[in-house]
Amino acid sequence: MKFIFKLIRNIVVLFFAITILWVVAVRFIPVFVTPLMVIRCIEQADEGRDVKLEHSWVSISEMPYFAATAVIAAEDQNFVKHHGFDLKAIEQAAKSNKDGGKLRGGSTISQQTAKNIFLWPGRSWLRKGLEAYFTTLIELMWPKERIIEVYLNSIEMGEGIYGIEAAAEEYWHCSASELTRMQCATLASILPNPRKYSATSPGPYIQRRSNSVFRSMKFLENNGYILGN
């Protein structure tokens, strides 16, 4: 029994040591590949499609400042205020789902970043628990600017397209630094399902959502919600 207790203790200590060091390292180094990228490539190969993975890392200083404002407006308007979890958004999402409305998620940008970088897609309790753990770690160890930088570089923005630089090159043949305010609003608007919605040929829903995000960006900026360059 003493041996088993010691083994479990050592495993727990090793887990915390590895994950904390991992999070600390990612605060300073670019992220060139994520679990989701690997999973998507495997799915493409299994389905007999050409494997597509477009991704280029750019620092937040190479992005227009309103790129950050766009995703905050679209995905997490309390991003600069909360500490990783937006309890009000989670409560509203749970109520909407319980009432039979359109399925909504209550994940913050911090939670999405933790999932994208350290974990895999899924809805299991294990994955959700680890997401909460990694979200807490990055909120404790990374500044908000780093969280948004990693998010904008890793988020899926189309079939085989990851990050704002790859999206800018794919959709508008420019670099992330050359994106317009409306282009950033459109990119942010397709994030709920970037493999379904089009940034270059948006339908009525994305057009309405883009206009709404565009207006919200101005409001947030006027209230000091500005991150990045």
C-alpha atoms as a PDB file:
ATOM      1  CA  MET A   1       0.000   0.000   0.000  1.00  0.00           C
ATOM      2  CA  LYS A   2       2.860   2.366   0.848  1.00  0.00           C
ATOM      3  CA  PHE A   3       4.394   1.652  -2.566  1.00  0.00           C
ATOM      4  CA  ILE A   4       1.116   2.431  -4.358  1.00  0.00           C
ATOM      5  CA  PHE A   5       0.698   5.675  -2.410  1.00  0.00           C
ATOM      6  CA  LYS A   6       4.243   6.718  -3.270  1.00  0.00           C
ATOM      7  CA  LEU A   7       3.731   5.847  -6.932  1.00  0.00           C
ATOM      8  CA  ILE A   8       0.531   7.887  -7.138  1.00  0.00           C
ATOM      9  CA  ARG A   9       2.212  10.798  -5.369  1.00  0.00           C
ATOM     10  CA  ASN A  10       5.144  10.717  -7.782  1.00  0.00           C
ATOM     11  CA  ILE A  11       2.818  10.593 -10.792  1.00  0.00           C
ATOM     12  CA  VAL A  12       0.851  13.595  -9.502  1.00  0.00           C
ATOM     13  CA  VAL A  13       4.022  15.575  -8.791  1.00  0.00           C
ATOM     14  CA  LEU A  14       5.401  14.700 -12.239  1.00  0.00           C
ATOM     15  CA  PHE A  15       2.133  15.748 -13.904  1.00  0.00           C
ATOM     16  CA  PHE A  16       2.143  19.151 -12.225  1.00  0.00           C
ATOM     17  CA  ALA A  17       5.836  19.683 -12.898  1.00  0.00           C
ATOM     18  CA  ILE A  18       5.564  18.833 -16.612  1.00  0.00           C
ATOM     19  CA  THR A  19       2.390  20.830 -17.250  1.00  0.00           C
ATOM     20  CA  ILE A  20       3.595  23.918 -15.384  1.00  0.00           C
ATOM     21  CA  LEU A  21       6.932  23.883 -17.215  1.00  0.00           C
ATOM     22  CA  TRP A  22       5.041  23.382 -20.501  1.00  0.00           C
ATOM     23  CA  VAL A  23       2.824  26.394 -19.882  1.00  0.00           C
ATOM     24  CA  VAL A  24       5.800  28.527 -18.854  1.00  0.00           C
ATOM     25  CA  ALA A  25       7.676  27.537 -22.034  1.00  0.00           C
ATOM     26  CA  VAL A  26       4.741  28.355 -24.306  1.00  0.00           C
ATOM     27  CA  ARG A  27       4.565  31.822 -22.798  1.00  0.00           C
ATOM     28  CA  PHE A  28       7.832  32.620 -24.583  1.00  0.00           C
ATOM     29  CA  ILE A  29       8.089  30.359 -27.654  1.00  0.00           C
ATOM     30  CA  PRO A  30       5.919  30.309 -30.801  1.00  0.00           C
ATOM     31  CA  VAL A  31       3.447  27.469 -31.224  1.00  0.00           C
ATOM     32  CA  PHE A  32       3.946  25.845 -34.621  1.00  0.00           C
ATOM     33  CA  VAL A  33       1.658  22.830 -34.275  1.00  0.00           C
ATOM     34  CA  THR A  34      -1.332  21.950 -32.105  1.00  0.00           C
ATOM     35  CA  PRO A  35      -3.205  18.707 -31.389  1.00  0.00           C
ATOM     36  CA  LEU A  36      -6.144  19.896 -33.529  1.00  0.00           C
ATOM     37  CA  MET A  37      -3.860  20.443 -36.535  1.00  0.00           C
ATOM     38  CA  VAL A  38      -2.586  16.872 -36.245  1.00  0.00           C
ATOM     39  CA  ILE A  39      -6.095  15.472 -35.796  1.00  0.00           C
ATOM     40  CA  ARG A  40      -7.410  17.349 -38.852  1.00  0.00           C
ATOM     41  CA  CYS A  41      -4.507  16.080 -40.981  1.00  0.00           C
ATOM     42  CA  ILE A  42      -5.241  12.499 -39.911  1.00  0.00           C
ATOM     43  CA  GLU A  43      -8.932  12.978 -40.717  1.00  0.00           C
ATOM     44  CA  GLN A  44      -8.098  14.335 -44.176  1.00  0.00           C
ATOM     45  CA  ALA A  45      -5.774  11.413 -44.899  1.00  0.00           C
ATOM     46  CA  ASP A  46      -8.316   8.849 -43.650  1.00  0.00           C
ATOM     47  CA  GLU A  47     -10.974  10.348 -45.928  1.00  0.00           C
ATOM     48  CA  GLY A  48      -8.644  10.197 -48.925  1.00  0.00           C
ATOM     49  CA  ARG A  49      -8.357  13.968 -49.257  1.00  0.00           C
ATOM     50  CA  ASP A  50      -5.201  15.972 -49.789  1.00  0.00           C
ATOM     51  CA  VAL A  51      -3.680  16.897 -46.472  1.00  0.00           C
ATOM     52  CA  LYS A  52      -3.810  20.657 -45.997  1.00  0.00           C
ATOM     53  CA  LEU A  53      -2.136  22.531 -43.152  1.00  0.00           C
ATOM     54  CA  GLU A  54      -1.559  26.252 -43.628  1.00  0.00           C
ATOM     55  CA  HIS A  55      -0.056  27.971 -40.612  1.00  0.00           C
ATOM     56  CA  SER A  56       2.456  30.764 -40.062  1.00  0.00           C
ATOM     57  CA  TRP A  57       3.277  32.300 -36.698  1.00  0.00           C
ATOM     58  CA  VAL A  58       3.286  36.089 -36.410  1.00  0.00           C
ATOM     59  CA  SER A  59       3.832  38.158 -33.296  1.00  0.00           C
ATOM     60  CA  ILE A  60       1.048  40.355 -31.976  1.00  0.00           C
ATOM     61  CA  SER A  61       3.110  43.391 -33.013  1.00  0.00           C
ATOM     62  CA  GLU A  62       2.696  42.262 -36.644  1.00  0.00           C
ATOM     63  CA  MET A  63      -1.094  42.198 -36.404  1.00  0.00           C
ATOM     64  CA  PRO A  64      -3.379  45.226 -36.568  1.00  0.00           C
ATOM     65  CA  TYR A  65      -4.571  46.005 -33.032  1.00  0.00           C
ATOM     66  CA  PHE A  66      -8.185  45.603 -34.130  1.00  0.00           C
ATOM     67  CA  ALA A  67      -7.602  41.913 -34.906  1.00  0.00           C
ATOM     68  CA  ALA A  68      -7.617  41.312 -31.159  1.00  0.00           C
ATOM     69  CA  THR A  69     -10.614  43.588 -30.703  1.00  0.00           C
ATOM     70  CA  ALA A  70     -12.525  41.665 -33.384  1.00  0.00           C
ATOM     71  CA  VAL A  71     -12.213  38.251 -31.717  1.00  0.00           C
ATOM     72  CA  ILE A  72     -12.918  39.772 -28.303  1.00  0.00           C
ATOM     73  CA  ALA A  73     -16.075  41.375 -29.718  1.00  0.00           C
ATOM     74  CA  ALA A  74     -17.181  38.144 -31.361  1.00  0.00           C
ATOM     75  CA  GLU A  75     -16.145  35.528 -28.826  1.00  0.00           C
ATOM     76  CA  ASP A  76     -15.534  36.974 -25.375  1.00  0.00           C
ATOM     77  CA  GLN A  77     -16.390  40.589 -24.613  1.00  0.00           C
ATOM     78  CA  ASN A  78     -15.323  40.252 -20.981  1.00  0.00           C
ATOM     79  CA  PHE A  79     -11.890  38.886 -21.913  1.00  0.00           C
ATOM     80  CA  VAL A  80      -9.864  41.702 -20.357  1.00  0.00           C
ATOM     81  CA  LYS A  81     -11.936  41.582 -17.155  1.00  0.00           C
ATOM     82  CA  HIS A  82     -12.320  37.903 -16.274  1.00  0.00           C
ATOM     83  CA  HIS A  83      -9.692  35.505 -14.990  1.00  0.00           C
ATOM     84  CA  GLY A  84     -10.307  32.733 -17.484  1.00  0.00           C
ATOM     85  CA  PHE A  85     -13.960  31.913 -16.904  1.00  0.00           C
ATOM     86  CA  ASP A  86     -17.016  34.029 -17.642  1.00  0.00           C
ATOM     87  CA  LEU A  87     -19.593  32.610 -15.235  1.00  0.00           C
ATOM     88  CA  LYS A  88     -22.402  34.784 -16.590  1.00  0.00           C
ATOM     89  CA  ALA A  89     -21.780  33.571 -20.160  1.00  0.00           C
ATOM     90  CA  ILE A  90     -21.649  29.951 -18.980  1.00  0.00           C
ATOM     91  CA  GLU A  91     -24.942  30.413 -17.123  1.00  0.00           C
ATOM     92  CA  GLN A  92     -26.599  32.000 -20.165  1.00  0.00           C
ATOM     93  CA  ALA A  93     -25.339  29.216 -22.452  1.00  0.00           C
ATOM     94  CA  ALA A  94     -26.594  26.532 -20.071  1.00  0.00           C
ATOM     95  CA  LYS A  95     -30.016  28.191 -19.859  1.00  0.00           C
ATOM     96  CA  SER A  96     -30.280  28.537 -23.647  1.00  0.00           C
ATOM     97  CA  ASN A  97     -29.320  24.893 -24.177  1.00  0.00           C
ATOM     98  CA  LYS A  98     -31.703  23.696 -21.460  1.00  0.00           C
ATOM     99  CA  ASP A  99     -34.589  25.676 -22.957  1.00  0.00           C
ATOM    100  CA  GLY A 100     -34.039  24.019 -26.317  1.00  0.00           C
ATOM    101  CA  GLY A 101     -32.617  27.075 -28.014  1.00  0.00           C
ATOM    102  CA  LYS A 102     -29.690  27.130 -30.384  1.00  0.00           C
ATOM    103  CA  LEU A 103     -26.749  25.324 -28.800  1.00  0.00           C
ATOM    104  CA  ARG A 104     -24.321  27.833 -27.369  1.00  0.00           C
ATOM    105  CA  GLY A 105     -20.923  27.557 -25.796  1.00  0.00           C
ATOM    106  CA  GLY A 106     -19.761  29.562 -22.831  1.00  0.00           C
ATOM    107  CA  SER A 107     -16.043  29.127 -23.429  1.00  0.00           C
ATOM    108  CA  THR A 108     -13.840  32.178 -23.071  1.00  0.00           C
ATOM    109  CA  ILE A 109     -10.880  32.972 -25.314  1.00  0.00           C
ATOM    110  CA  SER A 110      -8.643  31.736 -22.505  1.00  0.00           C
ATOM    111  CA  GLN A 111     -10.476  28.390 -22.385  1.00  0.00           C
ATOM    112  CA  GLN A 112     -10.346  28.040 -26.168  1.00  0.00           C
ATOM    113  CA  THR A 113      -6.621  28.799 -26.129  1.00  0.00           C
ATOM    114  CA  ALA A 114      -5.985  26.199 -23.442  1.00  0.00           C
ATOM    115  CA  LYS A 115      -7.941  23.617 -25.445  1.00  0.00           C
ATOM    116  CA  ASN A 116      -6.291  24.474 -28.762  1.00  0.00           C
ATOM    117  CA  ILE A 117      -2.719  24.382 -27.484  1.00  0.00           C
ATOM    118  CA  PHE A 118      -2.666  21.671 -24.840  1.00  0.00           C
ATOM    119  CA  LEU A 119      -5.636  19.380 -25.459  1.00  0.00           C
ATOM    120  CA  TRP A 120      -7.888  17.716 -27.992  1.00  0.00           C
ATOM    121  CA  PRO A 121     -11.488  18.404 -29.144  1.00  0.00           C
ATOM    122  CA  GLY A 122     -14.228  16.665 -27.213  1.00  0.00           C
ATOM    123  CA  ARG A 123     -16.828  16.986 -24.509  1.00  0.00           C
ATOM    124  CA  SER A 124     -15.669  14.408 -21.961  1.00  0.00           C
ATOM    125  CA  TRP A 125     -15.415  15.343 -18.298  1.00  0.00           C
ATOM    126  CA  LEU A 126     -11.697  14.539 -18.375  1.00  0.00           C
ATOM    127  CA  ARG A 127     -11.063  16.949 -21.242  1.00  0.00           C
ATOM    128  CA  LYS A 128     -13.208  19.643 -19.617  1.00  0.00           C
ATOM    129  CA  GLY A 129     -11.382  19.210 -16.327  1.00  0.00           C
ATOM    130  CA  LEU A 130      -7.987  19.509 -17.990  1.00  0.00           C
ATOM    131  CA  GLU A 131      -9.228  22.551 -19.921  1.00  0.00           C
ATOM    132  CA  ALA A 132     -10.141  24.259 -16.642  1.00  0.00           C
ATOM    133  CA  TYR A 133      -6.725  23.368 -15.216  1.00  0.00           C
ATOM    134  CA  PHE A 134      -4.752  24.698 -18.200  1.00  0.00           C
ATOM    135  CA  THR A 135      -6.979  27.784 -18.393  1.00  0.00           C
ATOM    136  CA  THR A 136      -6.131  28.585 -14.779  1.00  0.00           C
ATOM    137  CA  LEU A 137      -2.428  28.105 -15.470  1.00  0.00           C
ATOM    138  CA  ILE A 138      -2.281  30.383 -18.501  1.00  0.00           C
ATOM    139  CA  GLU A 139      -4.295  33.077 -16.738  1.00  0.00           C
ATOM    140  CA  LEU A 140      -1.829  32.946 -13.847  1.00  0.00           C
ATOM    141  CA  MET A 141       1.327  32.800 -15.961  1.00  0.00           C
ATOM    142  CA  TRP A 142       0.578  34.669 -19.200  1.00  0.00           C
ATOM    143  CA  PRO A 143      -0.412  38.303 -19.719  1.00  0.00           C
ATOM    144  CA  LYS A 144      -3.634  38.881 -21.632  1.00  0.00           C
ATOM    145  CA  GLU A 145      -1.615  40.012 -24.674  1.00  0.00           C
ATOM    146  CA  ARG A 146       0.115  36.624 -24.836  1.00  0.00           C
ATOM    147  CA  ILE A 147      -3.173  34.728 -24.556  1.00  0.00           C
ATOM    148  CA  ILE A 148      -4.687  36.675 -27.444  1.00  0.00           C
ATOM    149  CA  GLU A 149      -1.468  36.329 -29.475  1.00  0.00           C
ATOM    150  CA  VAL A 150      -1.452  32.545 -29.101  1.00  0.00           C
ATOM    151  CA  TYR A 151      -5.193  32.390 -29.782  1.00  0.00           C
ATOM    152  CA  LEU A 152      -4.947  34.402 -32.996  1.00  0.00           C
ATOM    153  CA  ASN A 153      -2.076  32.223 -34.176  1.00  0.00           C
ATOM    154  CA  SER A 154      -3.659  28.865 -33.407  1.00  0.00           C
ATOM    155  CA  ILE A 155      -7.412  29.178 -33.949  1.00  0.00           C
ATOM    156  CA  GLU A 156      -8.904  27.225 -36.859  1.00  0.00           C
ATOM    157  CA  MET A 157     -10.043  29.683 -39.551  1.00  0.00           C
ATOM    158  CA  GLY A 158     -11.034  27.328 -42.350  1.00  0.00           C
ATOM    159  CA  GLU A 159     -10.350  23.871 -43.728  1.00  0.00           C
ATOM    160  CA  GLY A 160      -6.646  23.335 -43.051  1.00  0.00           C
ATOM    161  CA  ILE A 161      -6.132  27.039 -42.190  1.00  0.00           C
ATOM    162  CA  TYR A 162      -4.860  27.989 -38.745  1.00  0.00           C
ATOM    163  CA  GLY A 163      -4.145  31.446 -37.442  1.00  0.00           C
ATOM    164  CA  ILE A 164      -4.631  34.948 -38.719  1.00  0.00           C
ATOM    165  CA  GLU A 165      -1.568  35.032 -40.999  1.00  0.00           C
ATOM    166  CA  ALA A 166      -2.568  31.895 -42.913  1.00  0.00           C
ATOM    167  CA  ALA A 167      -6.156  33.161 -43.162  1.00  0.00           C
ATOM    168  CA  ALA A 168      -5.044  36.534 -44.525  1.00  0.00           C
ATOM    169  CA  GLU A 169      -2.877  34.848 -47.164  1.00  0.00           C
ATOM    170  CA  GLU A 170      -5.554  32.290 -48.090  1.00  0.00           C
ATOM    171  CA  TYR A 171      -8.543  34.617 -48.317  1.00  0.00           C
ATOM    172  CA  TRP A 172      -7.168  38.009 -49.322  1.00  0.00           C
ATOM    173  CA  HIS A 173      -3.583  37.284 -50.510  1.00  0.00           C
ATOM    174  CA  CYS A 174      -2.073  39.667 -47.997  1.00  0.00           C
ATOM    175  CA  SER A 175      -0.293  39.485 -44.666  1.00  0.00           C
ATOM    176  CA  ALA A 176      -2.049  39.784 -41.323  1.00  0.00           C
ATOM    177  CA  SER A 177      -0.627  43.283 -40.884  1.00  0.00           C
ATOM    178  CA  GLU A 178      -2.507  44.432 -44.017  1.00  0.00           C
ATOM    179  CA  LEU A 179      -5.953  43.229 -42.955  1.00  0.00           C
ATOM    180  CA  THR A 180      -8.691  45.828 -42.780  1.00  0.00           C
ATOM    181  CA  ARG A 181     -11.019  46.316 -39.856  1.00  0.00           C
ATOM    182  CA  MET A 182     -13.932  44.689 -41.725  1.00  0.00           C
ATOM    183  CA  GLN A 183     -11.816  41.721 -42.797  1.00  0.00           C
ATOM    184  CA  CYS A 184     -10.897  41.121 -39.174  1.00  0.00           C
ATOM    185  CA  ALA A 185     -14.559  41.394 -38.204  1.00  0.00           C
ATOM    186  CA  THR A 186     -15.454  38.848 -40.882  1.00  0.00           C
ATOM    187  CA  LEU A 187     -12.767  36.411 -39.754  1.00  0.00           C
ATOM    188  CA  ALA A 188     -13.983  36.688 -36.175  1.00  0.00           C
ATOM    189  CA  SER A 189     -17.554  36.112 -37.362  1.00  0.00           C
ATOM    190  CA  ILE A 190     -16.843  32.697 -38.908  1.00  0.00           C
ATOM    191  CA  LEU A 191     -15.090  31.307 -35.817  1.00  0.00           C
ATOM    192  CA  PRO A 192     -18.095  29.408 -34.428  1.00  0.00           C
ATOM    193  CA  ASN A 193     -17.796  27.088 -37.449  1.00  0.00           C
ATOM    194  CA  PRO A 194     -14.932  28.152 -39.758  1.00  0.00           C
ATOM    195  CA  ARG A 195     -15.180  25.036 -41.937  1.00  0.00           C
ATOM    196  CA  LYS A 196     -18.841  25.792 -42.677  1.00  0.00           C
ATOM    197  CA  TYR A 197     -18.878  29.561 -43.084  1.00  0.00           C
ATOM    198  CA  SER A 198     -16.970  31.512 -45.729  1.00  0.00           C
ATOM    199  CA  ALA A 199     -14.960  34.659 -45.074  1.00  0.00           C
ATOM    200  CA  THR A 200     -14.735  35.611 -48.749  1.00  0.00           C
ATOM    201  CA  SER A 201     -18.297  34.723 -49.806  1.00  0.00           C
ATOM    202  CA  PRO A 202     -20.271  35.349 -46.618  1.00  0.00           C
ATOM    203  CA  GLY A 203     -23.946  34.525 -46.592  1.00  0.00           C
ATOM    204  CA  PRO A 204     -26.631  36.694 -44.962  1.00  0.00           C
ATOM    205  CA  TYR A 205     -25.923  35.323 -41.470  1.00  0.00           C
ATOM    206  CA  ILE A 206     -22.181  36.060 -41.578  1.00  0.00           C
ATOM    207  CA  GLN A 207     -22.822  39.463 -43.141  1.00  0.00           C
ATOM    208  CA  ARG A 208     -25.140  40.376 -40.257  1.00  0.00           C
ATOM    209  CA  ARG A 209     -22.748  38.948 -37.711  1.00  0.00           C
ATOM    210  CA  SER A 210     -19.775  40.784 -39.263  1.00  0.00           C
ATOM    211  CA  ASN A 211     -21.618  44.102 -39.113  1.00  0.00           C
ATOM    212  CA  SER A 212     -22.535  43.437 -35.502  1.00  0.00           C
ATOM    213  CA  VAL A 213     -18.930  42.556 -34.610  1.00  0.00           C
ATOM    214  CA  PHE A 214     -17.718  45.678 -36.448  1.00  0.00           C
ATOM    215  CA  ARG A 215     -19.985  47.885 -34.350  1.00  0.00           C
ATOM    216  CA  SER A 216     -18.967  46.104 -31.142  1.00  0.00           C
ATOM    217  CA  MET A 217     -15.294  46.638 -31.985  1.00  0.00           C
ATOM    218  CA  LYS A 218     -15.784  50.401 -31.993  1.00  0.00           C
ATOM    219  CA  PHE A 219     -17.630  50.270 -28.677  1.00  0.00           C
ATOM    220  CA  LEU A 220     -14.899  48.157 -27.042  1.00  0.00           C
ATOM    221  CA  GLU A 221     -12.115  50.358 -28.362  1.00  0.00           C
ATOM    222  CA  ASN A 222     -13.870  53.480 -27.103  1.00  0.00           C
ATOM    223  CA  ASN A 223     -13.951  51.839 -23.670  1.00  0.00           C
ATOM    224  CA  GLY A 224     -10.264  50.942 -23.628  1.00  0.00           C
ATOM    225  CA  TYR A 225     -10.418  47.308 -24.745  1.00  0.00           C
ATOM    226  CA  ILE A 226      -7.307  47.527 -26.895  1.00  0.00           C
ATOM    227  CA  LEU A 227      -4.618  44.833 -26.986  1.00  0.00           C
ATOM    228  CA  GLY A 228      -1.663  44.517 -29.300  1.00  0.00           C
ATOM    229  CA  ASN A 229       0.071  46.944 -31.617  1.00  0.00           C
END
